[in-house]
Amino acid sequence: MKDISVFPTQYGVASLILKEVLYRAIAYIRVLASTPDNLPLLIRECAGFCRACGAEKIYWSAEDATGEPDVTVVEMRGTALVDKEKIASVFPVTEQTVSRWRQIYNERMFHVDNATTLEARDEKELLSSVGACFIHKDGELLGIGWLEDTELRAIAAVIPGAGEQVAHTLMSLVEGSIVTLQVASTNQKAIRLYERLGFLQTRPLRKWYLVKDFD
């Protein structure tokens, strides 16, 4: 399902992110232009369209929105410091393994707020990025990671408690560099891991509100 970059209505204009409707029945509304009086009407109309597309959960975001958001996407930043004892082996994705990497990513990220499902067409980007990899220890798969230059795109452990080893292994690839990442405020397990690694929350990037007040 394709996103709609410009969705005009008589109450304003929004951008509709519909890709996740197919996979997780979730849609996102980004308000581009409206007035305070028309905002509830705009959200209601956009939400109606999203529901008609199959969305069961819908979030909206606006630059001047007030109130406590349900999900905040925050930037975290830190220096790639490494515990040498927690470094495992790195195996970059190949044409033969990229589909398996994508499958693991989608399985582990399915319930993570603001995560994006990767499709077959995304495999080309994964292969060209170089930083998408499997992390092994003594022949056992610990998890997967995705490091794009000095931006941490993803960490996913497949063994409980292995997230820290996966993280230290990825950090070893850019040791000493300043690394940035994005994480949803509701993903407290990931935030605690990043804080143990010395990362700090630097700024909010987007606030998402669950559509509930405009039904």
C-alpha atoms as a PDB file:
ATOM      1  CA  MET A   1       0.000   0.000   0.000  1.00  0.00           C
ATOM      2  CA  LYS A   2       1.440   3.360  -1.036  1.00  0.00           C
ATOM      3  CA  ASP A   3       1.781   6.367   1.227  1.00  0.00           C
ATOM      4  CA  ILE A   4      -0.051   9.552   0.265  1.00  0.00           C
ATOM      5  CA  SER A   5       2.354  12.488   0.537  1.00  0.00           C
ATOM      6  CA  VAL A   6      -0.378  15.112   0.107  1.00  0.00           C
ATOM      7  CA  PHE A   7      -3.947  14.391   1.247  1.00  0.00           C
ATOM      8  CA  PRO A   8      -5.991  17.606   0.847  1.00  0.00           C
ATOM      9  CA  THR A   9      -9.335  18.137   2.586  1.00  0.00           C
ATOM     10  CA  GLN A  10     -11.531  21.151   3.257  1.00  0.00           C
ATOM     11  CA  TYR A  11     -10.107  21.219   6.792  1.00  0.00           C
ATOM     12  CA  GLY A  12      -6.424  21.189   5.886  1.00  0.00           C
ATOM     13  CA  VAL A  13      -3.696  19.058   4.350  1.00  0.00           C
ATOM     14  CA  ALA A  14      -1.977  15.970   5.713  1.00  0.00           C
ATOM     15  CA  SER A  15       0.437  13.260   4.681  1.00  0.00           C
ATOM     16  CA  LEU A  16      -0.748   9.686   5.214  1.00  0.00           C
ATOM     17  CA  ILE A  17       1.739   6.897   5.941  1.00  0.00           C
ATOM     18  CA  LEU A  18      -0.083   3.716   4.979  1.00  0.00           C
ATOM     19  CA  LYS A  19       2.691   1.184   4.415  1.00  0.00           C
ATOM     20  CA  GLU A  20       2.313  -0.410   7.842  1.00  0.00           C
ATOM     21  CA  VAL A  21      -1.420  -0.972   7.340  1.00  0.00           C
ATOM     22  CA  LEU A  22      -0.589  -4.048   5.288  1.00  0.00           C
ATOM     23  CA  TYR A  23       1.736  -5.536   7.900  1.00  0.00           C
ATOM     24  CA  ARG A  24       0.601  -4.250  11.299  1.00  0.00           C
ATOM     25  CA  ALA A  25      -2.731  -2.506  10.642  1.00  0.00           C
ATOM     26  CA  ILE A  26      -1.178   0.817  11.741  1.00  0.00           C
ATOM     27  CA  ALA A  27      -1.391   4.166   9.927  1.00  0.00           C
ATOM     28  CA  TYR A  28       0.212   7.545  10.606  1.00  0.00           C
ATOM     29  CA  ILE A  29      -1.118  11.023   9.860  1.00  0.00           C
ATOM     30  CA  ARG A  30       1.293  13.940   9.564  1.00  0.00           C
ATOM     31  CA  VAL A  31      -0.557  17.239   9.570  1.00  0.00           C
ATOM     32  CA  LEU A  32       0.959  19.631   7.040  1.00  0.00           C
ATOM     33  CA  ALA A  33      -1.448  22.563   7.306  1.00  0.00           C
ATOM     34  CA  SER A  34      -4.569  23.281   9.339  1.00  0.00           C
ATOM     35  CA  THR A  35      -6.029  25.650  11.924  1.00  0.00           C
ATOM     36  CA  PRO A  36      -6.670  24.837  15.594  1.00  0.00           C
ATOM     37  CA  ASP A  37     -10.425  24.832  14.962  1.00  0.00           C
ATOM     38  CA  ASN A  38     -10.166  22.574  11.935  1.00  0.00           C
ATOM     39  CA  LEU A  39      -7.555  20.169  13.307  1.00  0.00           C
ATOM     40  CA  PRO A  40     -10.034  17.742  14.929  1.00  0.00           C
ATOM     41  CA  LEU A  41     -12.056  17.655  11.700  1.00  0.00           C
ATOM     42  CA  LEU A  42      -8.935  17.068   9.618  1.00  0.00           C
ATOM     43  CA  ILE A  43      -7.803  14.226  11.873  1.00  0.00           C
ATOM     44  CA  ARG A  44     -11.272  12.677  11.792  1.00  0.00           C
ATOM     45  CA  GLU A  45     -11.422  12.748   7.997  1.00  0.00           C
ATOM     46  CA  CYS A  46      -7.910  11.372   7.599  1.00  0.00           C
ATOM     47  CA  ALA A  47      -8.580   8.665  10.194  1.00  0.00           C
ATOM     48  CA  GLY A  48     -11.731   7.643   8.357  1.00  0.00           C
ATOM     49  CA  PHE A  49      -9.734   7.171   5.173  1.00  0.00           C
ATOM     50  CA  CYS A  50      -7.061   5.184   7.046  1.00  0.00           C
ATOM     51  CA  ARG A  51      -9.681   2.915   8.601  1.00  0.00           C
ATOM     52  CA  ALA A  52     -11.191   2.314   5.164  1.00  0.00           C
ATOM     53  CA  CYS A  53      -7.723   1.155   4.096  1.00  0.00           C
ATOM     54  CA  GLY A  54      -7.659  -1.354   6.952  1.00  0.00           C
ATOM     55  CA  ALA A  55      -5.898   0.529   9.769  1.00  0.00           C
ATOM     56  CA  GLU A  56      -6.919  -0.518  13.272  1.00  0.00           C
ATOM     57  CA  LYS A  57      -4.548   1.805  15.127  1.00  0.00           C
ATOM     58  CA  ILE A  58      -3.861   5.344  13.888  1.00  0.00           C
ATOM     59  CA  TYR A  59      -1.407   7.976  15.110  1.00  0.00           C
ATOM     60  CA  TRP A  60      -1.253  11.639  14.181  1.00  0.00           C
ATOM     61  CA  SER A  61       1.426  14.298  14.488  1.00  0.00           C
ATOM     62  CA  ALA A  62       1.459  18.079  14.085  1.00  0.00           C
ATOM     63  CA  GLU A  63       4.243  20.580  14.654  1.00  0.00           C
ATOM     64  CA  ASP A  64       2.190  22.724  17.047  1.00  0.00           C
ATOM     65  CA  ALA A  65       0.370  19.887  18.822  1.00  0.00           C
ATOM     66  CA  THR A  66       0.131  20.166  22.590  1.00  0.00           C
ATOM     67  CA  GLY A  67      -0.450  17.646  25.341  1.00  0.00           C
ATOM     68  CA  GLU A  68       1.326  14.471  26.325  1.00  0.00           C
ATOM     69  CA  PRO A  69       2.073  12.310  23.263  1.00  0.00           C
ATOM     70  CA  ASP A  70       1.539   8.563  23.267  1.00  0.00           C
ATOM     71  CA  VAL A  71       4.873   7.966  21.527  1.00  0.00           C
ATOM     72  CA  THR A  72       7.847  10.291  21.140  1.00  0.00           C
ATOM     73  CA  VAL A  73      10.640   9.428  18.735  1.00  0.00           C
ATOM     74  CA  VAL A  74      13.850  10.715  20.321  1.00  0.00           C
ATOM     75  CA  GLU A  75      17.409  11.051  19.126  1.00  0.00           C
ATOM     76  CA  MET A  76      20.147   9.541  21.266  1.00  0.00           C
ATOM     77  CA  ARG A  77      23.839  10.284  20.866  1.00  0.00           C
ATOM     78  CA  GLY A  78      26.977   8.818  22.367  1.00  0.00           C
ATOM     79  CA  THR A  79      30.585   7.845  21.814  1.00  0.00           C
ATOM     80  CA  ALA A  80      31.191   4.309  20.582  1.00  0.00           C
ATOM     81  CA  LEU A  81      32.958   2.870  23.638  1.00  0.00           C
ATOM     82  CA  VAL A  82      33.650  -0.837  23.533  1.00  0.00           C
ATOM     83  CA  ASP A  83      34.047  -3.608  26.089  1.00  0.00           C
ATOM     84  CA  LYS A  84      36.521  -5.907  24.342  1.00  0.00           C
ATOM     85  CA  GLU A  85      35.217  -8.931  26.260  1.00  0.00           C
ATOM     86  CA  LYS A  86      31.758  -8.466  24.747  1.00  0.00           C
ATOM     87  CA  ILE A  87      32.801  -8.366  21.105  1.00  0.00           C
ATOM     88  CA  ALA A  88      31.541 -11.217  18.947  1.00  0.00           C
ATOM     89  CA  SER A  89      32.030 -12.058  15.265  1.00  0.00           C
ATOM     90  CA  VAL A  90      30.540  -9.973  12.456  1.00  0.00           C
ATOM     91  CA  PHE A  91      29.188 -11.456   9.243  1.00  0.00           C
ATOM     92  CA  PRO A  92      27.950  -8.874   6.707  1.00  0.00           C
ATOM     93  CA  VAL A  93      24.768  -9.745   4.796  1.00  0.00           C
ATOM     94  CA  THR A  94      25.187 -11.215   1.344  1.00  0.00           C
ATOM     95  CA  GLU A  95      22.812 -11.851  -1.509  1.00  0.00           C
ATOM     96  CA  GLN A  96      22.298 -15.329  -0.068  1.00  0.00           C
ATOM     97  CA  THR A  97      21.566 -14.175   3.505  1.00  0.00           C
ATOM     98  CA  VAL A  98      19.882 -10.777   3.143  1.00  0.00           C
ATOM     99  CA  SER A  99      16.368 -12.253   3.038  1.00  0.00           C
ATOM    100  CA  ARG A 100      17.013 -14.083   6.314  1.00  0.00           C
ATOM    101  CA  TRP A 101      18.330 -10.839   7.874  1.00  0.00           C
ATOM    102  CA  ARG A 102      15.202  -8.997   6.779  1.00  0.00           C
ATOM    103  CA  GLN A 103      12.978 -11.773   8.167  1.00  0.00           C
ATOM    104  CA  ILE A 104      14.658 -11.589  11.581  1.00  0.00           C
ATOM    105  CA  TYR A 105      14.432  -7.795  11.602  1.00  0.00           C
ATOM    106  CA  ASN A 106      10.708  -7.812  10.812  1.00  0.00           C
ATOM    107  CA  GLU A 107       9.982 -10.469  13.417  1.00  0.00           C
ATOM    108  CA  ARG A 108      11.881  -8.662  16.177  1.00  0.00           C
ATOM    109  CA  MET A 109      10.519  -5.209  15.289  1.00  0.00           C
ATOM    110  CA  PHE A 110       6.890  -6.201  14.777  1.00  0.00           C
ATOM    111  CA  HIS A 111       5.720  -4.850  18.152  1.00  0.00           C
ATOM    112  CA  VAL A 112       8.121  -1.889  18.324  1.00  0.00           C
ATOM    113  CA  ASP A 113       6.457   1.501  17.979  1.00  0.00           C
ATOM    114  CA  ASN A 114       7.559   3.570  14.978  1.00  0.00           C
ATOM    115  CA  ALA A 115       9.478   0.649  13.457  1.00  0.00           C
ATOM    116  CA  THR A 116       9.251   0.239   9.695  1.00  0.00           C
ATOM    117  CA  THR A 117       8.666  -3.122   8.076  1.00  0.00           C
ATOM    118  CA  LEU A 118      11.330  -3.937   5.498  1.00  0.00           C
ATOM    119  CA  GLU A 119      10.183  -5.286   2.147  1.00  0.00           C
ATOM    120  CA  ALA A 120      11.993  -7.301  -0.520  1.00  0.00           C
ATOM    121  CA  ARG A 121      12.770  -4.104  -2.404  1.00  0.00           C
ATOM    122  CA  ASP A 122      14.700  -2.846   0.665  1.00  0.00           C
ATOM    123  CA  GLU A 123      17.242  -5.647   0.340  1.00  0.00           C
ATOM    124  CA  LYS A 124      19.196  -3.668  -2.244  1.00  0.00           C
ATOM    125  CA  GLU A 125      19.747  -0.887   0.309  1.00  0.00           C
ATOM    126  CA  LEU A 126      20.794  -3.412   2.949  1.00  0.00           C
ATOM    127  CA  LEU A 127      23.371  -4.922   0.620  1.00  0.00           C
ATOM    128  CA  SER A 128      24.769  -1.562  -0.441  1.00  0.00           C
ATOM    129  CA  SER A 129      24.930  -0.156   3.098  1.00  0.00           C
ATOM    130  CA  VAL A 130      27.713  -2.591   4.140  1.00  0.00           C
ATOM    131  CA  GLY A 131      26.699  -2.096   7.792  1.00  0.00           C
ATOM    132  CA  ALA A 132      23.894  -4.672   7.918  1.00  0.00           C
ATOM    133  CA  CYS A 133      25.254  -7.801   9.552  1.00  0.00           C
ATOM    134  CA  PHE A 134      24.730 -10.942  11.628  1.00  0.00           C
ATOM    135  CA  ILE A 135      26.447 -11.187  15.016  1.00  0.00           C
ATOM    136  CA  HIS A 136      27.707 -14.657  16.032  1.00  0.00           C
ATOM    137  CA  LYS A 137      29.463 -16.009  19.115  1.00  0.00           C
ATOM    138  CA  ASP A 138      31.040 -19.471  19.044  1.00  0.00           C
ATOM    139  CA  GLY A 139      28.951 -20.382  16.023  1.00  0.00           C
ATOM    140  CA  GLU A 140      25.667 -19.266  17.615  1.00  0.00           C
ATOM    141  CA  LEU A 141      23.608 -16.390  16.211  1.00  0.00           C
ATOM    142  CA  LEU A 142      23.222 -13.672  18.849  1.00  0.00           C
ATOM    143  CA  GLY A 143      21.349 -11.161  16.738  1.00  0.00           C
ATOM    144  CA  ILE A 144      21.530  -8.723  13.872  1.00  0.00           C
ATOM    145  CA  GLY A 145      22.603  -5.121  13.523  1.00  0.00           C
ATOM    146  CA  TRP A 146      22.558  -2.284  11.036  1.00  0.00           C
ATOM    147  CA  LEU A 147      25.091   0.516  11.225  1.00  0.00           C
ATOM    148  CA  GLU A 148      24.981   3.149   8.467  1.00  0.00           C
ATOM    149  CA  ASP A 149      28.207   5.135   8.735  1.00  0.00           C
ATOM    150  CA  THR A 150      27.847   6.395  12.338  1.00  0.00           C
ATOM    151  CA  GLU A 151      24.067   6.061  12.543  1.00  0.00           C
ATOM    152  CA  LEU A 152      22.781   3.007  14.370  1.00  0.00           C
ATOM    153  CA  ARG A 153      19.763   1.909  12.352  1.00  0.00           C
ATOM    154  CA  ALA A 154      18.877  -1.287  14.199  1.00  0.00           C
ATOM    155  CA  ILE A 155      19.834  -3.786  16.882  1.00  0.00           C
ATOM    156  CA  ALA A 156      17.865  -6.985  17.381  1.00  0.00           C
ATOM    157  CA  ALA A 157      18.907  -9.854  19.638  1.00  0.00           C
ATOM    158  CA  VAL A 158      17.573 -13.332  18.924  1.00  0.00           C
ATOM    159  CA  ILE A 159      18.788 -14.681  22.272  1.00  0.00           C
ATOM    160  CA  PRO A 160      17.482 -13.052  25.482  1.00  0.00           C
ATOM    161  CA  GLY A 161      20.146 -10.861  27.040  1.00  0.00           C
ATOM    162  CA  ALA A 162      22.371 -10.810  23.959  1.00  0.00           C
ATOM    163  CA  GLY A 163      21.519  -7.228  23.019  1.00  0.00           C
ATOM    164  CA  GLU A 164      24.520  -5.796  24.848  1.00  0.00           C
ATOM    165  CA  GLN A 165      26.942  -8.107  23.047  1.00  0.00           C
ATOM    166  CA  VAL A 166      25.374  -7.226  19.712  1.00  0.00           C
ATOM    167  CA  ALA A 167      25.656  -3.515  20.545  1.00  0.00           C
ATOM    168  CA  HIS A 168      29.306  -3.702  21.652  1.00  0.00           C
ATOM    169  CA  THR A 169      30.178  -5.656  18.525  1.00  0.00           C
ATOM    170  CA  LEU A 170      28.586  -3.018  16.303  1.00  0.00           C
ATOM    171  CA  MET A 171      30.261  -0.209  18.244  1.00  0.00           C
ATOM    172  CA  SER A 172      33.625  -1.880  17.666  1.00  0.00           C
ATOM    173  CA  LEU A 173      33.224  -1.139  13.958  1.00  0.00           C
ATOM    174  CA  VAL A 174      33.272   2.627  14.637  1.00  0.00           C
ATOM    175  CA  GLU A 175      35.048   2.722  17.996  1.00  0.00           C
ATOM    176  CA  GLY A 176      35.628   6.263  19.261  1.00  0.00           C
ATOM    177  CA  SER A 177      33.166   7.849  16.836  1.00  0.00           C
ATOM    178  CA  ILE A 178      30.041   9.774  17.808  1.00  0.00           C
ATOM    179  CA  VAL A 179      27.066   7.554  17.027  1.00  0.00           C
ATOM    180  CA  THR A 180      23.428   8.641  16.724  1.00  0.00           C
ATOM    181  CA  LEU A 181      20.234   6.636  16.757  1.00  0.00           C
ATOM    182  CA  GLN A 182      16.477   7.043  16.927  1.00  0.00           C
ATOM    183  CA  VAL A 183      14.274   5.210  19.404  1.00  0.00           C
ATOM    184  CA  ALA A 184      10.638   5.342  20.459  1.00  0.00           C
ATOM    185  CA  SER A 185       9.985   6.493  24.029  1.00  0.00           C
ATOM    186  CA  THR A 186       7.860   3.387  24.586  1.00  0.00           C
ATOM    187  CA  ASN A 187      10.811   1.107  23.809  1.00  0.00           C
ATOM    188  CA  GLN A 188      12.191   1.329  27.327  1.00  0.00           C
ATOM    189  CA  LYS A 189      14.203  -1.879  27.056  1.00  0.00           C
ATOM    190  CA  ALA A 190      16.199  -0.425  24.152  1.00  0.00           C
ATOM    191  CA  ILE A 191      16.604   2.942  25.888  1.00  0.00           C
ATOM    192  CA  ARG A 192      18.015   1.277  29.005  1.00  0.00           C
ATOM    193  CA  LEU A 193      20.495  -0.647  26.831  1.00  0.00           C
ATOM    194  CA  TYR A 194      21.644   2.496  25.051  1.00  0.00           C
ATOM    195  CA  GLU A 195      21.988   4.375  28.334  1.00  0.00           C
ATOM    196  CA  ARG A 196      24.201   1.588  29.700  1.00  0.00           C
ATOM    197  CA  LEU A 197      26.349   2.116  26.618  1.00  0.00           C
ATOM    198  CA  GLY A 198      26.682   5.802  27.506  1.00  0.00           C
ATOM    199  CA  PHE A 199      24.113   7.251  25.100  1.00  0.00           C
ATOM    200  CA  LEU A 200      22.054  10.294  26.104  1.00  0.00           C
ATOM    201  CA  GLN A 201      18.719  11.509  24.818  1.00  0.00           C
ATOM    202  CA  THR A 202      19.467  14.720  22.932  1.00  0.00           C
ATOM    203  CA  ARG A 203      16.212  15.897  21.354  1.00  0.00           C
ATOM    204  CA  PRO A 204      12.703  14.810  20.423  1.00  0.00           C
ATOM    205  CA  LEU A 205      12.260  14.227  16.700  1.00  0.00           C
ATOM    206  CA  ARG A 206       8.526  13.607  16.422  1.00  0.00           C
ATOM    207  CA  LYS A 207       5.556  13.282  18.761  1.00  0.00           C
ATOM    208  CA  TRP A 208       2.778  10.851  17.880  1.00  0.00           C
ATOM    209  CA  TYR A 209      -0.713  10.979  19.345  1.00  0.00           C
ATOM    210  CA  LEU A 210      -3.075   8.035  19.176  1.00  0.00           C
ATOM    211  CA  VAL A 211      -6.326   8.853  17.427  1.00  0.00           C
ATOM    212  CA  LYS A 212      -8.878   8.579  20.201  1.00  0.00           C
ATOM    213  CA  ASP A 213     -10.133  12.079  20.983  1.00  0.00           C
ATOM    214  CA  PHE A 214     -11.499  12.714  17.507  1.00  0.00           C
ATOM    215  CA  ASP A 215     -13.580   9.570  17.038  1.00  0.00           C
END
